[in-house]
Amino acid sequence: MEKQERTVIHLELNGLHYYFGSLKALVVEFSKEKIGIEYGSLRNYGLSIDKPYTNSKCIIRKGYLKTIEGSRGKKK
């Protein structure tokens, strides 16, 4: 079985937690007015594990989801 990593974007907003597969998915769901930053600015910020984005409205973090490739459904 092969180990894999997938990027996860975590948004903390008003005490609630949301998870996305990309920054674009986050900004499609939440407007600039709700999170306080637009897509281009967030991309330019350089979000990383060690560098979360924080403002008065939210916290946006980048992380990795560790997975293992399964064999269910694969023909041998």
N, C-alpha and C. Protein backbone atom coordinates (compact mmCIF):
# COMPACT_ATOMS: atom_id res chain seq x y z
N MET A 1 0.85 -1.19 0.00
CA MET A 1 0.00 0.00 0.00
C MET A 1 0.88 1.24 0.00
N GLU A 2 0.50 2.17 -0.81
CA GLU A 2 1.29 3.39 -0.97
C GLU A 2 0.70 4.53 -0.14
N LYS A 3 1.57 5.21 0.62
CA LYS A 3 1.12 6.36 1.41
C LYS A 3 1.00 7.57 0.48
N GLN A 4 0.00 8.39 0.73
CA GLN A 4 -0.23 9.59 -0.06
C GLN A 4 -0.56 10.75 0.86
N GLU A 5 -0.34 11.97 0.37
CA GLU A 5 -0.73 13.18 1.09
C GLU A 5 -1.59 14.04 0.17
N ARG A 6 -2.60 14.62 0.75
CA ARG A 6 -3.47 15.56 0.04
C ARG A 6 -3.52 16.86 0.83
N THR A 7 -3.51 17.96 0.12
CA THR A 7 -3.59 19.27 0.76
C THR A 7 -4.99 19.49 1.33
N VAL A 8 -5.04 20.04 2.52
CA VAL A 8 -6.30 20.40 3.16
C VAL A 8 -6.19 21.84 3.63
N ILE A 9 -7.21 22.63 3.32
CA ILE A 9 -7.30 24.01 3.79
C ILE A 9 -8.36 24.05 4.88
N HIS A 10 -7.97 24.53 6.06
CA HIS A 10 -8.86 24.57 7.22
C HIS A 10 -9.25 26.03 7.49
N LEU A 11 -10.54 26.29 7.54
CA LEU A 11 -11.05 27.61 7.84
C LEU A 11 -11.75 27.57 9.19
N GLU A 12 -11.33 28.45 10.09
CA GLU A 12 -12.02 28.63 11.37
C GLU A 12 -12.73 29.97 11.30
N LEU A 13 -14.05 29.95 11.38
CA LEU A 13 -14.87 31.14 11.22
C LEU A 13 -16.02 31.10 12.22
N ASN A 14 -16.10 32.09 13.09
CA ASN A 14 -17.17 32.17 14.10
C ASN A 14 -17.26 30.91 14.95
N GLY A 15 -16.12 30.35 15.30
CA GLY A 15 -16.09 29.16 16.14
C GLY A 15 -16.42 27.86 15.43
N LEU A 16 -16.66 27.92 14.13
CA LEU A 16 -16.94 26.73 13.34
C LEU A 16 -15.74 26.39 12.48
N HIS A 17 -15.61 25.11 12.10
CA HIS A 17 -14.47 24.65 11.34
C HIS A 17 -14.94 24.07 10.01
N TYR A 18 -14.27 24.46 8.93
CA TYR A 18 -14.60 24.00 7.59
C TYR A 18 -13.32 23.52 6.92
N TYR A 19 -13.44 22.50 6.07
CA TYR A 19 -12.27 21.92 5.42
C TYR A 19 -12.48 21.88 3.92
N PHE A 20 -11.42 22.26 3.18
CA PHE A 20 -11.49 22.36 1.72
C PHE A 20 -10.27 21.71 1.09
N GLY A 21 -10.43 21.30 -0.15
CA GLY A 21 -9.33 20.70 -0.88
C GLY A 21 -8.44 21.71 -1.57
N SER A 22 -8.87 22.97 -1.62
CA SER A 22 -8.08 24.01 -2.27
C SER A 22 -8.53 25.39 -1.78
N LEU A 23 -7.67 26.38 -2.01
CA LEU A 23 -8.05 27.76 -1.68
C LEU A 23 -9.23 28.21 -2.52
N LYS A 24 -9.25 27.81 -3.78
CA LYS A 24 -10.33 28.21 -4.69
C LYS A 24 -11.67 27.71 -4.17
N ALA A 25 -11.71 26.48 -3.69
CA ALA A 25 -12.95 25.92 -3.15
C ALA A 25 -13.42 26.73 -1.94
N LEU A 26 -12.49 27.18 -1.13
CA LEU A 26 -12.83 27.99 0.04
C LEU A 26 -13.48 29.31 -0.38
N VAL A 27 -12.87 30.02 -1.33
CA VAL A 27 -13.39 31.34 -1.70
C VAL A 27 -14.65 31.25 -2.55
N VAL A 28 -14.90 30.11 -3.17
CA VAL A 28 -16.18 29.92 -3.88
C VAL A 28 -17.30 29.80 -2.84
N GLU A 29 -17.01 29.15 -1.74
CA GLU A 29 -18.01 28.94 -0.68
C GLU A 29 -18.20 30.17 0.20
N PHE A 30 -17.11 30.90 0.50
CA PHE A 30 -17.18 32.05 1.40
C PHE A 30 -16.68 33.31 0.69
N SER A 31 -17.46 34.34 0.71
CA SER A 31 -17.12 35.59 0.03
C SER A 31 -16.03 36.37 0.76
N LYS A 32 -15.47 37.33 0.07
CA LYS A 32 -14.46 38.23 0.64
C LYS A 32 -15.03 38.93 1.88
N GLU A 33 -16.28 39.29 1.83
CA GLU A 33 -16.91 39.99 2.95
C GLU A 33 -16.99 39.10 4.20
N LYS A 34 -17.19 37.80 4.00
CA LYS A 34 -17.30 36.89 5.14
C LYS A 34 -15.96 36.55 5.76
N ILE A 35 -14.92 36.35 4.92
CA ILE A 35 -13.63 35.92 5.45
C ILE A 35 -12.59 37.04 5.51
N GLY A 36 -12.87 38.17 4.85
CA GLY A 36 -11.98 39.32 4.97
C GLY A 36 -10.77 39.31 4.06
N ILE A 37 -10.75 38.44 3.06
CA ILE A 37 -9.64 38.40 2.10
C ILE A 37 -10.15 37.80 0.80
N GLU A 38 -9.60 38.27 -0.31
CA GLU A 38 -10.01 37.72 -1.61
C GLU A 38 -9.00 36.67 -2.07
N TYR A 39 -9.39 35.92 -3.08
CA TYR A 39 -8.61 34.78 -3.56
C TYR A 39 -7.18 35.16 -3.95
N GLY A 40 -7.01 36.18 -4.76
CA GLY A 40 -5.68 36.59 -5.21
C GLY A 40 -4.76 36.96 -4.06
N SER A 41 -5.28 37.69 -3.11
CA SER A 41 -4.48 38.09 -1.94
C SER A 41 -4.12 36.89 -1.08
N LEU A 42 -5.03 35.95 -0.95
CA LEU A 42 -4.77 34.75 -0.17
C LEU A 42 -3.71 33.89 -0.86
N ARG A 43 -3.78 33.78 -2.17
CA ARG A 43 -2.75 33.05 -2.92
C ARG A 43 -1.38 33.70 -2.75
N ASN A 44 -1.34 35.03 -2.85
CA ASN A 44 -0.08 35.75 -2.73
C ASN A 44 0.48 35.73 -1.31
N TYR A 45 -0.35 35.48 -0.33
CA TYR A 45 0.08 35.45 1.07
C TYR A 45 1.12 34.36 1.33
N GLY A 46 1.01 33.25 0.62
CA GLY A 46 1.96 32.16 0.83
C GLY A 46 1.59 31.26 2.00
N LEU A 47 0.35 30.91 2.07
CA LEU A 47 -0.17 30.05 3.14
C LEU A 47 0.65 28.76 3.22
N SER A 48 1.05 28.38 4.42
CA SER A 48 1.78 27.12 4.62
C SER A 48 1.48 26.59 6.02
N ILE A 49 1.99 25.42 6.33
CA ILE A 49 1.76 24.83 7.65
C ILE A 49 2.28 25.76 8.74
N ASP A 50 3.42 26.36 8.50
CA ASP A 50 4.06 27.24 9.48
C ASP A 50 3.59 28.69 9.41
N LYS A 51 2.76 29.00 8.42
CA LYS A 51 2.34 30.38 8.21
C LYS A 51 0.83 30.45 7.92
N PRO A 52 -0.01 30.31 8.95
CA PRO A 52 -1.46 30.45 8.75
C PRO A 52 -1.82 31.91 8.49
N TYR A 53 -2.97 32.13 7.86
CA TYR A 53 -3.47 33.49 7.64
C TYR A 53 -4.47 33.79 8.76
N THR A 54 -4.31 34.94 9.40
CA THR A 54 -5.20 35.34 10.48
C THR A 54 -5.63 36.78 10.29
N ASN A 55 -6.91 37.04 10.49
CA ASN A 55 -7.42 38.41 10.55
C ASN A 55 -8.51 38.46 11.62
N SER A 56 -9.24 39.55 11.69
CA SER A 56 -10.26 39.69 12.73
C SER A 56 -11.48 38.81 12.49
N LYS A 57 -11.61 38.24 11.29
CA LYS A 57 -12.79 37.44 10.97
C LYS A 57 -12.54 35.93 11.01
N CYS A 58 -11.33 35.51 10.66
CA CYS A 58 -11.10 34.07 10.52
C CYS A 58 -9.63 33.71 10.68
N ILE A 59 -9.39 32.40 10.71
CA ILE A 59 -8.04 31.84 10.63
C ILE A 59 -8.09 30.80 9.52
N ILE A 60 -7.12 30.86 8.62
CA ILE A 60 -7.03 29.90 7.53
C ILE A 60 -5.69 29.19 7.66
N ARG A 61 -5.74 27.86 7.73
CA ARG A 61 -4.53 27.07 7.88
C ARG A 61 -4.40 26.09 6.72
N LYS A 62 -3.17 25.70 6.43
CA LYS A 62 -2.92 24.68 5.42
C LYS A 62 -2.35 23.46 6.12
N GLY A 63 -2.81 22.30 5.73
CA GLY A 63 -2.31 21.06 6.30
C GLY A 63 -2.33 19.96 5.27
N TYR A 64 -2.02 18.76 5.71
CA TYR A 64 -2.00 17.61 4.82
C TYR A 64 -2.80 16.48 5.42
N LEU A 65 -3.58 15.84 4.60
CA LEU A 65 -4.34 14.66 4.97
C LEU A 65 -3.56 13.46 4.50
N LYS A 66 -3.16 12.62 5.44
CA LYS A 66 -2.38 11.44 5.09
C LYS A 66 -3.33 10.29 4.81
N THR A 67 -3.14 9.64 3.68
CA THR A 67 -3.99 8.53 3.28
C THR A 67 -3.12 7.35 2.84
N ILE A 68 -3.75 6.21 2.74
CA ILE A 68 -3.09 5.02 2.19
C ILE A 68 -3.96 4.52 1.05
N GLU A 69 -3.32 4.24 -0.06
CA GLU A 69 -4.04 3.73 -1.21
C GLU A 69 -4.57 2.36 -0.89
N GLY A 70 -5.85 2.18 -1.03
CA GLY A 70 -6.48 0.89 -0.74
C GLY A 70 -6.57 0.03 -1.98
N SER A 71 -6.92 -1.22 -1.78
CA SER A 71 -7.04 -2.13 -2.92
C SER A 71 -8.48 -2.56 -3.17
N ARG A 72 -9.41 -2.05 -2.39
CA ARG A 72 -10.81 -2.43 -2.54
C ARG A 72 -11.32 -1.99 -3.91
N GLY A 73 -11.91 -2.89 -4.61
CA GLY A 73 -12.48 -2.57 -5.93
C GLY A 73 -11.51 -2.69 -7.07
N LYS A 74 -10.25 -2.97 -6.79
CA LYS A 74 -9.26 -3.11 -7.85
C LYS A 74 -9.18 -4.57 -8.29
N LYS A 75 -9.13 -4.75 -9.59
CA LYS A 75 -9.02 -6.11 -10.12
C LYS A 75 -7.57 -6.53 -10.13
N LYS A 76 -7.35 -7.78 -9.80
CA LYS A 76 -5.98 -8.31 -9.78
C LYS A 76 -5.63 -8.98 -11.07
